[in-house]
């Protein structure tokens, strides 16, 4: 019988850290801005619809696009980027515009809306599922039964990185956490801009938000150099937050003056 090796529990840290940060951001803005609690519903509607449309497009077309352009190509990058621009950023604005125009959301909800989009992507959709799986893996592999043997064989074939040495596991967790932090920032930036654009009827704010979705152009190139990818992703995400803040500075100052 093959010796069963357990996964390094350090992998469990990544989803836990991301869930805490994404949730903490929501809590912070609630106490800071006292946003409408319906923000959970509207951000979920925008994010959920976008992901559903992405799957609807990708399931019948991803194989064709990959075969045509290659798995690490500009063509595939444009394919991913345009979907994020149209579905995630576009629908974030449509939902924001509808909610604002019907008096459901206001300027005080801008930060929370962006934080909500970031929460559903990084805490609820990715990290929560990952946490459940990792805890289940660790628990099952801690036993010595046939289930542990079967799971070990499957994971060793499909996800051998889970059995990497501690130093490699720590590196993987660090890079993965940085990636999720980058995602939190970019979702916050375009969500914030969408609400501000809807509240102040400033199309330019929406136009600033749109190209931020093109960040997914980088996805096909991630495996070429994961460290470089994470550094560029983080830098562009941080820059997006700065741009969003400065782009709305004039309208925020006007509101304070009034």
C-alpha atoms as a PDB file:
ATOM      1  CA  UNK A   1       0.000   0.000   0.000  1.00  0.00           C
ATOM      2  CA  UNK A   2       1.282   3.447  -0.933  1.00  0.00           C
ATOM      3  CA  UNK A   3       2.244   5.682   1.982  1.00  0.00           C
ATOM      4  CA  UNK A   4      -0.307   8.464   2.436  1.00  0.00           C
ATOM      5  CA  UNK A   5       1.189  11.923   2.878  1.00  0.00           C
ATOM      6  CA  UNK A   6      -0.966  14.722   4.244  1.00  0.00           C
ATOM      7  CA  UNK A   7      -1.137  18.203   2.749  1.00  0.00           C
ATOM      8  CA  UNK A   8       0.693  20.989   4.540  1.00  0.00           C
ATOM      9  CA  UNK A   9      -1.886  22.796   6.732  1.00  0.00           C
ATOM     10  CA  UNK A  10      -0.247  26.093   5.756  1.00  0.00           C
ATOM     11  CA  UNK A  11      -2.352  25.928   2.564  1.00  0.00           C
ATOM     12  CA  UNK A  12      -5.432  26.484   4.715  1.00  0.00           C
ATOM     13  CA  UNK A  13      -4.077  29.882   5.731  1.00  0.00           C
ATOM     14  CA  UNK A  14      -4.612  31.464   2.317  1.00  0.00           C
ATOM     15  CA  UNK A  15      -8.420  31.218   2.128  1.00  0.00           C
ATOM     16  CA  UNK A  16      -8.706  32.110   5.816  1.00  0.00           C
ATOM     17  CA  UNK A  17      -6.623  35.273   5.366  1.00  0.00           C
ATOM     18  CA  UNK A  18      -8.533  36.307   2.246  1.00  0.00           C
ATOM     19  CA  UNK A  19     -11.932  35.746   3.872  1.00  0.00           C
ATOM     20  CA  UNK A  20     -10.880  37.820   6.892  1.00  0.00           C
ATOM     21  CA  UNK A  21      -9.593  40.689   4.737  1.00  0.00           C
ATOM     22  CA  UNK A  22     -12.580  40.742   2.366  1.00  0.00           C
ATOM     23  CA  UNK A  23     -15.044  40.538   5.252  1.00  0.00           C
ATOM     24  CA  UNK A  24     -13.110  43.092   7.286  1.00  0.00           C
ATOM     25  CA  UNK A  25     -13.292  45.550   4.408  1.00  0.00           C
ATOM     26  CA  UNK A  26     -17.094  45.312   4.410  1.00  0.00           C
ATOM     27  CA  UNK A  27     -17.248  45.781   8.174  1.00  0.00           C
ATOM     28  CA  UNK A  28     -14.882  48.755   8.030  1.00  0.00           C
ATOM     29  CA  UNK A  29     -16.977  50.591   5.456  1.00  0.00           C
ATOM     30  CA  UNK A  30     -20.180  49.843   7.335  1.00  0.00           C
ATOM     31  CA  UNK A  31     -18.907  51.597  10.434  1.00  0.00           C
ATOM     32  CA  UNK A  32     -17.257  54.311   8.333  1.00  0.00           C
ATOM     33  CA  UNK A  33     -20.148  55.083   5.976  1.00  0.00           C
ATOM     34  CA  UNK A  34     -23.224  53.265   7.358  1.00  0.00           C
ATOM     35  CA  UNK A  35     -24.054  52.024   3.877  1.00  0.00           C
ATOM     36  CA  UNK A  36     -27.389  50.483   2.915  1.00  0.00           C
ATOM     37  CA  UNK A  37     -27.450  46.802   3.851  1.00  0.00           C
ATOM     38  CA  UNK A  38     -29.040  46.005   0.486  1.00  0.00           C
ATOM     39  CA  UNK A  39     -25.544  46.452  -0.933  1.00  0.00           C
ATOM     40  CA  UNK A  40     -25.082  42.711  -0.363  1.00  0.00           C
ATOM     41  CA  UNK A  41     -27.936  41.971  -2.750  1.00  0.00           C
ATOM     42  CA  UNK A  42     -26.921  44.415  -5.487  1.00  0.00           C
ATOM     43  CA  UNK A  43     -23.249  43.479  -5.477  1.00  0.00           C
ATOM     44  CA  UNK A  44     -24.200  39.784  -5.542  1.00  0.00           C
ATOM     45  CA  UNK A  45     -26.604  40.406  -8.427  1.00  0.00           C
ATOM     46  CA  UNK A  46     -23.929  42.207 -10.449  1.00  0.00           C
ATOM     47  CA  UNK A  47     -21.207  39.670  -9.717  1.00  0.00           C
ATOM     48  CA  UNK A  48     -23.405  36.568 -10.016  1.00  0.00           C
ATOM     49  CA  UNK A  49     -24.882  37.635 -13.350  1.00  0.00           C
ATOM     50  CA  UNK A  50     -21.406  38.431 -14.701  1.00  0.00           C
ATOM     51  CA  UNK A  51     -19.997  35.039 -13.727  1.00  0.00           C
ATOM     52  CA  UNK A  52     -23.033  33.244 -15.152  1.00  0.00           C
ATOM     53  CA  UNK A  53     -22.612  35.053 -18.472  1.00  0.00           C
ATOM     54  CA  UNK A  54     -18.887  34.285 -18.500  1.00  0.00           C
ATOM     55  CA  UNK A  55     -19.623  30.582 -18.115  1.00  0.00           C
ATOM     56  CA  UNK A  56     -22.333  30.782 -20.776  1.00  0.00           C
ATOM     57  CA  UNK A  57     -19.804  32.251 -23.207  1.00  0.00           C
ATOM     58  CA  UNK A  58     -16.758  30.206 -22.261  1.00  0.00           C
ATOM     59  CA  UNK A  59     -18.246  26.719 -22.096  1.00  0.00           C
ATOM     60  CA  UNK A  60     -18.993  26.533 -25.857  1.00  0.00           C
ATOM     61  CA  UNK A  61     -16.111  28.728 -27.051  1.00  0.00           C
ATOM     62  CA  UNK A  62     -13.007  28.355 -24.860  1.00  0.00           C
ATOM     63  CA  UNK A  63     -11.724  25.255 -26.680  1.00  0.00           C
ATOM     64  CA  UNK A  64     -12.052  26.947 -30.066  1.00  0.00           C
ATOM     65  CA  UNK A  65     -10.308  30.118 -28.899  1.00  0.00           C
ATOM     66  CA  UNK A  66      -7.488  28.185 -27.237  1.00  0.00           C
ATOM     67  CA  UNK A  67      -6.973  25.964 -30.280  1.00  0.00           C
ATOM     68  CA  UNK A  68      -6.987  29.001 -32.568  1.00  0.00           C
ATOM     69  CA  UNK A  69      -4.704  31.353 -30.644  1.00  0.00           C
ATOM     70  CA  UNK A  70      -2.855  29.098 -28.175  1.00  0.00           C
ATOM     71  CA  UNK A  71      -2.957  28.722 -24.406  1.00  0.00           C
ATOM     72  CA  UNK A  72      -0.456  31.553 -23.803  1.00  0.00           C
ATOM     73  CA  UNK A  73      -1.457  34.060 -26.448  1.00  0.00           C
ATOM     74  CA  UNK A  74      -2.604  37.634 -26.903  1.00  0.00           C
ATOM     75  CA  UNK A  75      -5.765  36.309 -28.539  1.00  0.00           C
ATOM     76  CA  UNK A  76      -6.733  34.360 -25.428  1.00  0.00           C
ATOM     77  CA  UNK A  77      -5.825  37.365 -23.289  1.00  0.00           C
ATOM     78  CA  UNK A  78      -8.189  39.589 -25.284  1.00  0.00           C
ATOM     79  CA  UNK A  79     -10.849  36.883 -25.003  1.00  0.00           C
ATOM     80  CA  UNK A  80     -10.676  36.923 -21.193  1.00  0.00           C
ATOM     81  CA  UNK A  81     -10.198  40.670 -20.899  1.00  0.00           C
ATOM     82  CA  UNK A  82     -13.145  41.647 -23.072  1.00  0.00           C
ATOM     83  CA  UNK A  83     -15.462  39.366 -21.101  1.00  0.00           C
ATOM     84  CA  UNK A  84     -14.450  40.950 -17.819  1.00  0.00           C
ATOM     85  CA  UNK A  85     -14.838  44.440 -19.264  1.00  0.00           C
ATOM     86  CA  UNK A  86     -18.274  43.703 -20.692  1.00  0.00           C
ATOM     87  CA  UNK A  87     -19.722  41.423 -18.039  1.00  0.00           C
ATOM     88  CA  UNK A  88     -18.119  42.301 -14.705  1.00  0.00           C
ATOM     89  CA  UNK A  89     -17.549  46.032 -15.114  1.00  0.00           C
ATOM     90  CA  UNK A  90     -20.462  46.548 -17.482  1.00  0.00           C
ATOM     91  CA  UNK A  91     -23.005  44.777 -15.296  1.00  0.00           C
ATOM     92  CA  UNK A  92     -21.585  46.405 -12.164  1.00  0.00           C
ATOM     93  CA  UNK A  93     -22.498  49.745 -13.726  1.00  0.00           C
ATOM     94  CA  UNK A  94     -25.921  48.593 -14.977  1.00  0.00           C
ATOM     95  CA  UNK A  95     -26.905  47.349 -11.525  1.00  0.00           C
ATOM     96  CA  UNK A  96     -25.454  50.461  -9.867  1.00  0.00           C
ATOM     97  CA  UNK A  97     -27.285  52.752 -12.286  1.00  0.00           C
ATOM     98  CA  UNK A  98     -30.614  50.969 -11.724  1.00  0.00           C
ATOM     99  CA  UNK A  99     -30.244  50.952  -7.927  1.00  0.00           C
ATOM    100  CA  UNK A 100     -29.211  54.601  -7.779  1.00  0.00           C
ATOM    101  CA  UNK A 101     -31.920  55.760 -10.179  1.00  0.00           C
ATOM    102  CA  UNK A 102     -34.550  53.996  -8.057  1.00  0.00           C
ATOM    103  CA  UNK A 103     -33.252  55.477  -4.819  1.00  0.00           C
ATOM    104  CA  UNK A 104     -31.900  52.178  -3.512  1.00  0.00           C
ATOM    105  CA  UNK A 105     -28.223  53.189  -3.313  1.00  0.00           C
ATOM    106  CA  UNK A 106     -26.403  56.474  -2.797  1.00  0.00           C
ATOM    107  CA  UNK A 107     -22.879  57.887  -2.720  1.00  0.00           C
ATOM    108  CA  UNK A 108     -22.282  56.514   0.777  1.00  0.00           C
ATOM    109  CA  UNK A 109     -22.617  53.020  -0.718  1.00  0.00           C
ATOM    110  CA  UNK A 110     -19.804  53.430  -3.269  1.00  0.00           C
ATOM    111  CA  UNK A 111     -16.992  51.910  -1.225  1.00  0.00           C
ATOM    112  CA  UNK A 112     -19.230  49.124   0.056  1.00  0.00           C
ATOM    113  CA  UNK A 113     -20.388  48.244  -3.456  1.00  0.00           C
ATOM    114  CA  UNK A 114     -16.796  47.793  -4.591  1.00  0.00           C
ATOM    115  CA  UNK A 115     -16.020  45.869  -1.425  1.00  0.00           C
ATOM    116  CA  UNK A 116     -19.077  43.695  -2.025  1.00  0.00           C
ATOM    117  CA  UNK A 117     -17.929  42.764  -5.524  1.00  0.00           C
ATOM    118  CA  UNK A 118     -14.524  41.911  -4.074  1.00  0.00           C
ATOM    119  CA  UNK A 119     -16.142  39.837  -1.298  1.00  0.00           C
ATOM    120  CA  UNK A 120     -18.261  37.689  -3.604  1.00  0.00           C
ATOM    121  CA  UNK A 121     -15.318  36.996  -5.916  1.00  0.00           C
ATOM    122  CA  UNK A 122     -12.564  36.391  -3.410  1.00  0.00           C
ATOM    123  CA  UNK A 123     -14.205  35.306  -0.151  1.00  0.00           C
ATOM    124  CA  UNK A 124     -17.468  33.618  -1.111  1.00  0.00           C
ATOM    125  CA  UNK A 125     -16.754  32.188  -4.564  1.00  0.00           C
ATOM    126  CA  UNK A 126     -13.071  31.274  -4.398  1.00  0.00           C
ATOM    127  CA  UNK A 127     -11.808  31.170  -0.810  1.00  0.00           C
ATOM    128  CA  UNK A 128     -14.826  29.641   0.958  1.00  0.00           C
ATOM    129  CA  UNK A 129     -14.936  26.704  -1.445  1.00  0.00           C
ATOM    130  CA  UNK A 130     -11.172  26.326  -1.282  1.00  0.00           C
ATOM    131  CA  UNK A 131     -11.263  26.361   2.529  1.00  0.00           C
ATOM    132  CA  UNK A 132     -13.907  23.630   2.669  1.00  0.00           C
ATOM    133  CA  UNK A 133     -11.943  21.478   0.234  1.00  0.00           C
ATOM    134  CA  UNK A 134      -8.604  21.935   2.002  1.00  0.00           C
ATOM    135  CA  UNK A 135     -10.047  21.179   5.432  1.00  0.00           C
ATOM    136  CA  UNK A 136     -11.752  18.091   4.002  1.00  0.00           C
ATOM    137  CA  UNK A 137      -8.506  16.956   2.350  1.00  0.00           C
ATOM    138  CA  UNK A 138      -6.549  17.422   5.558  1.00  0.00           C
ATOM    139  CA  UNK A 139      -9.147  15.596   7.655  1.00  0.00           C
ATOM    140  CA  UNK A 140      -9.474  12.646   5.295  1.00  0.00           C
ATOM    141  CA  UNK A 141      -5.725  12.268   4.752  1.00  0.00           C
ATOM    142  CA  UNK A 142      -5.207  12.273   8.526  1.00  0.00           C
ATOM    143  CA  UNK A 143      -6.861   8.850   8.583  1.00  0.00           C
ATOM    144  CA  UNK A 144      -5.479   5.589   7.305  1.00  0.00           C
ATOM    145  CA  UNK A 145      -8.478   4.141   5.492  1.00  0.00           C
ATOM    146  CA  UNK A 146      -9.106   3.361   1.859  1.00  0.00           C
ATOM    147  CA  UNK A 147     -10.706   6.778   1.335  1.00  0.00           C
ATOM    148  CA  UNK A 148      -7.465   8.459   2.390  1.00  0.00           C
ATOM    149  CA  UNK A 149      -5.517   6.254  -0.014  1.00  0.00           C
ATOM    150  CA  UNK A 150      -7.861   7.035  -2.899  1.00  0.00           C
ATOM    151  CA  UNK A 151      -7.839  10.767  -2.206  1.00  0.00           C
ATOM    152  CA  UNK A 152      -4.051  10.831  -1.905  1.00  0.00           C
ATOM    153  CA  UNK A 153      -3.674   9.104  -5.273  1.00  0.00           C
ATOM    154  CA  UNK A 154      -6.070  11.552  -6.932  1.00  0.00           C
ATOM    155  CA  UNK A 155      -4.463  14.646  -5.420  1.00  0.00           C
ATOM    156  CA  UNK A 156      -0.946  13.403  -6.111  1.00  0.00           C
ATOM    157  CA  UNK A 157      -1.930  13.130  -9.767  1.00  0.00           C
ATOM    158  CA  UNK A 158      -4.060  16.262 -10.193  1.00  0.00           C
ATOM    159  CA  UNK A 159      -2.678  18.645  -7.551  1.00  0.00           C
ATOM    160  CA  UNK A 160       0.846  17.504  -6.583  1.00  0.00           C
ATOM    161  CA  UNK A 161       1.681  21.009  -5.369  1.00  0.00           C
ATOM    162  CA  UNK A 162      -0.368  20.332  -2.229  1.00  0.00           C
ATOM    163  CA  UNK A 163       2.377  17.920  -1.132  1.00  0.00           C
ATOM    164  CA  UNK A 164       5.236  20.329  -1.776  1.00  0.00           C
ATOM    165  CA  UNK A 165       7.866  20.971   0.924  1.00  0.00           C
ATOM    166  CA  UNK A 166       7.043  23.618   3.538  1.00  0.00           C
ATOM    167  CA  UNK A 167       9.193  26.276   1.860  1.00  0.00           C
ATOM    168  CA  UNK A 168       7.403  25.817  -1.476  1.00  0.00           C
ATOM    169  CA  UNK A 169       4.025  25.692   0.250  1.00  0.00           C
ATOM    170  CA  UNK A 170       4.731  28.982   1.996  1.00  0.00           C
ATOM    171  CA  UNK A 171       5.779  30.582  -1.290  1.00  0.00           C
ATOM    172  CA  UNK A 172       2.620  29.321  -2.988  1.00  0.00           C
ATOM    173  CA  UNK A 173       0.416  30.641  -0.184  1.00  0.00           C
ATOM    174  CA  UNK A 174       2.161  34.019  -0.219  1.00  0.00           C
ATOM    175  CA  UNK A 175       1.757  34.420  -3.984  1.00  0.00           C
ATOM    176  CA  UNK A 176      -1.834  33.209  -3.887  1.00  0.00           C
ATOM    177  CA  UNK A 177      -2.701  35.631  -1.100  1.00  0.00           C
ATOM    178  CA  UNK A 178      -1.131  38.535  -3.003  1.00  0.00           C
ATOM    179  CA  UNK A 179      -3.192  37.558  -6.055  1.00  0.00           C
ATOM    180  CA  UNK A 180      -6.420  37.650  -4.033  1.00  0.00           C
ATOM    181  CA  UNK A 181      -5.458  41.009  -2.504  1.00  0.00           C
ATOM    182  CA  UNK A 182      -4.901  42.335  -6.019  1.00  0.00           C
ATOM    183  CA  UNK A 183      -8.314  41.058  -7.036  1.00  0.00           C
ATOM    184  CA  UNK A 184      -9.907  42.729  -4.013  1.00  0.00           C
ATOM    185  CA  UNK A 185      -8.356  46.061  -4.991  1.00  0.00           C
ATOM    186  CA  UNK A 186      -9.355  45.921  -8.662  1.00  0.00           C
ATOM    187  CA  UNK A 187     -12.954  44.937  -7.868  1.00  0.00           C
ATOM    188  CA  UNK A 188     -13.128  47.700  -5.281  1.00  0.00           C
ATOM    189  CA  UNK A 189     -11.850  50.252  -7.798  1.00  0.00           C
ATOM    190  CA  UNK A 190     -14.312  49.557 -10.593  1.00  0.00           C
ATOM    191  CA  UNK A 191     -17.240  49.012  -8.216  1.00  0.00           C
ATOM    192  CA  UNK A 192     -16.564  52.328  -6.490  1.00  0.00           C
ATOM    193  CA  UNK A 193     -16.327  54.133  -9.828  1.00  0.00           C
ATOM    194  CA  UNK A 194     -19.567  52.586 -11.089  1.00  0.00           C
ATOM    195  CA  UNK A 195     -21.572  53.877  -8.128  1.00  0.00           C
ATOM    196  CA  UNK A 196     -19.952  57.308  -8.316  1.00  0.00           C
ATOM    197  CA  UNK A 197     -20.640  57.470 -12.056  1.00  0.00           C
ATOM    198  CA  UNK A 198     -24.297  56.589 -11.474  1.00  0.00           C
ATOM    199  CA  UNK A 199     -24.750  58.990  -8.546  1.00  0.00           C
ATOM    200  CA  UNK A 200     -23.097  61.993 -10.194  1.00  0.00           C
ATOM    201  CA  UNK A 201     -24.096  61.201 -13.800  1.00  0.00           C
ATOM    202  CA  UNK A 202     -20.434  61.236 -14.816  1.00  0.00           C
ATOM    203  CA  UNK A 203     -19.909  58.978 -17.814  1.00  0.00           C
ATOM    204  CA  UNK A 204     -16.170  59.592 -17.673  1.00  0.00           C
ATOM    205  CA  UNK A 205     -15.988  57.729 -14.354  1.00  0.00           C
ATOM    206  CA  UNK A 206     -17.563  54.680 -15.962  1.00  0.00           C
ATOM    207  CA  UNK A 207     -15.201  55.014 -18.915  1.00  0.00           C
ATOM    208  CA  UNK A 208     -12.288  55.049 -16.472  1.00  0.00           C
ATOM    209  CA  UNK A 209     -13.618  51.890 -14.815  1.00  0.00           C
ATOM    210  CA  UNK A 210     -14.158  49.928 -18.043  1.00  0.00           C
ATOM    211  CA  UNK A 211     -10.513  49.271 -19.018  1.00  0.00           C
ATOM    212  CA  UNK A 212      -9.777  48.073 -15.477  1.00  0.00           C
ATOM    213  CA  UNK A 213     -11.600  44.876 -16.392  1.00  0.00           C
ATOM    214  CA  UNK A 214      -8.983  44.256 -19.035  1.00  0.00           C
ATOM    215  CA  UNK A 215      -6.719  43.110 -16.191  1.00  0.00           C
ATOM    216  CA  UNK A 216      -7.737  39.539 -17.095  1.00  0.00           C
ATOM    217  CA  UNK A 217      -5.736  39.913 -20.299  1.00  0.00           C
ATOM    218  CA  UNK A 218      -2.800  38.814 -18.120  1.00  0.00           C
ATOM    219  CA  UNK A 219      -4.302  35.448 -17.165  1.00  0.00           C
ATOM    220  CA  UNK A 220      -2.871  33.341 -20.047  1.00  0.00           C
ATOM    221  CA  UNK A 221       0.635  34.543 -19.220  1.00  0.00           C
ATOM    222  CA  UNK A 222       0.566  33.772 -15.488  1.00  0.00           C
ATOM    223  CA  UNK A 223       2.467  30.494 -15.748  1.00  0.00           C
ATOM    224  CA  UNK A 224       5.290  32.036 -17.784  1.00  0.00           C
ATOM    225  CA  UNK A 225       6.559  33.772 -14.648  1.00  0.00           C
ATOM    226  CA  UNK A 226       4.227  33.598 -11.690  1.00  0.00           C
ATOM    227  CA  UNK A 227       6.220  36.107  -9.623  1.00  0.00           C
ATOM    228  CA  UNK A 228       6.246  38.654 -12.438  1.00  0.00           C
ATOM    229  CA  UNK A 229       2.549  38.060 -13.066  1.00  0.00           C
ATOM    230  CA  UNK A 230       1.647  38.667  -9.411  1.00  0.00           C
ATOM    231  CA  UNK A 231       3.842  41.774  -9.264  1.00  0.00           C
ATOM    232  CA  UNK A 232       2.259  43.290 -12.385  1.00  0.00           C
ATOM    233  CA  UNK A 233      -1.244  42.301 -11.261  1.00  0.00           C
ATOM    234  CA  UNK A 234      -0.709  43.855  -7.835  1.00  0.00           C
ATOM    235  CA  UNK A 235       0.822  47.021  -9.285  1.00  0.00           C
ATOM    236  CA  UNK A 236      -2.005  47.566 -11.769  1.00  0.00           C
ATOM    237  CA  UNK A 237      -4.640  46.856  -9.112  1.00  0.00           C
ATOM    238  CA  UNK A 238      -3.103  49.311  -6.676  1.00  0.00           C
ATOM    239  CA  UNK A 239      -2.837  51.890  -9.456  1.00  0.00           C
ATOM    240  CA  UNK A 240      -6.517  51.349 -10.251  1.00  0.00           C
ATOM    241  CA  UNK A 241      -7.502  52.194  -6.676  1.00  0.00           C
ATOM    242  CA  UNK A 242      -5.379  55.355  -6.800  1.00  0.00           C
ATOM    243  CA  UNK A 243      -6.879  56.350 -10.158  1.00  0.00           C
ATOM    244  CA  UNK A 244     -10.415  55.734  -8.891  1.00  0.00           C
ATOM    245  CA  UNK A 245      -9.808  57.852  -5.806  1.00  0.00           C
ATOM    246  CA  UNK A 246      -8.286  60.756  -7.691  1.00  0.00           C
ATOM    247  CA  UNK A 247     -10.817  60.556 -10.535  1.00  0.00           C
ATOM    248  CA  UNK A 248     -13.620  61.148  -8.038  1.00  0.00           C
ATOM    249  CA  UNK A 249     -11.789  63.768  -6.005  1.00  0.00           C
ATOM    250  CA  UNK A 250     -13.498  66.696  -7.739  1.00  0.00           C
ATOM    251  CA  UNK A 251     -17.032  65.405  -7.195  1.00  0.00           C
ATOM    252  CA  UNK A 252     -16.263  64.503  -3.596  1.00  0.00           C
ATOM    253  CA  UNK A 253     -14.864  67.959  -2.919  1.00  0.00           C
ATOM    254  CA  UNK A 254     -17.939  69.524  -4.520  1.00  0.00           C
ATOM    255  CA  UNK A 255     -20.211  67.552  -2.207  1.00  0.00           C
ATOM    256  CA  UNK A 256     -18.247  68.698   0.833  1.00  0.00           C
ATOM    257  CA  UNK A 257     -18.429  72.312  -0.328  1.00  0.00           C
ATOM    258  CA  UNK A 258     -22.200  72.072  -0.733  1.00  0.00           C
END
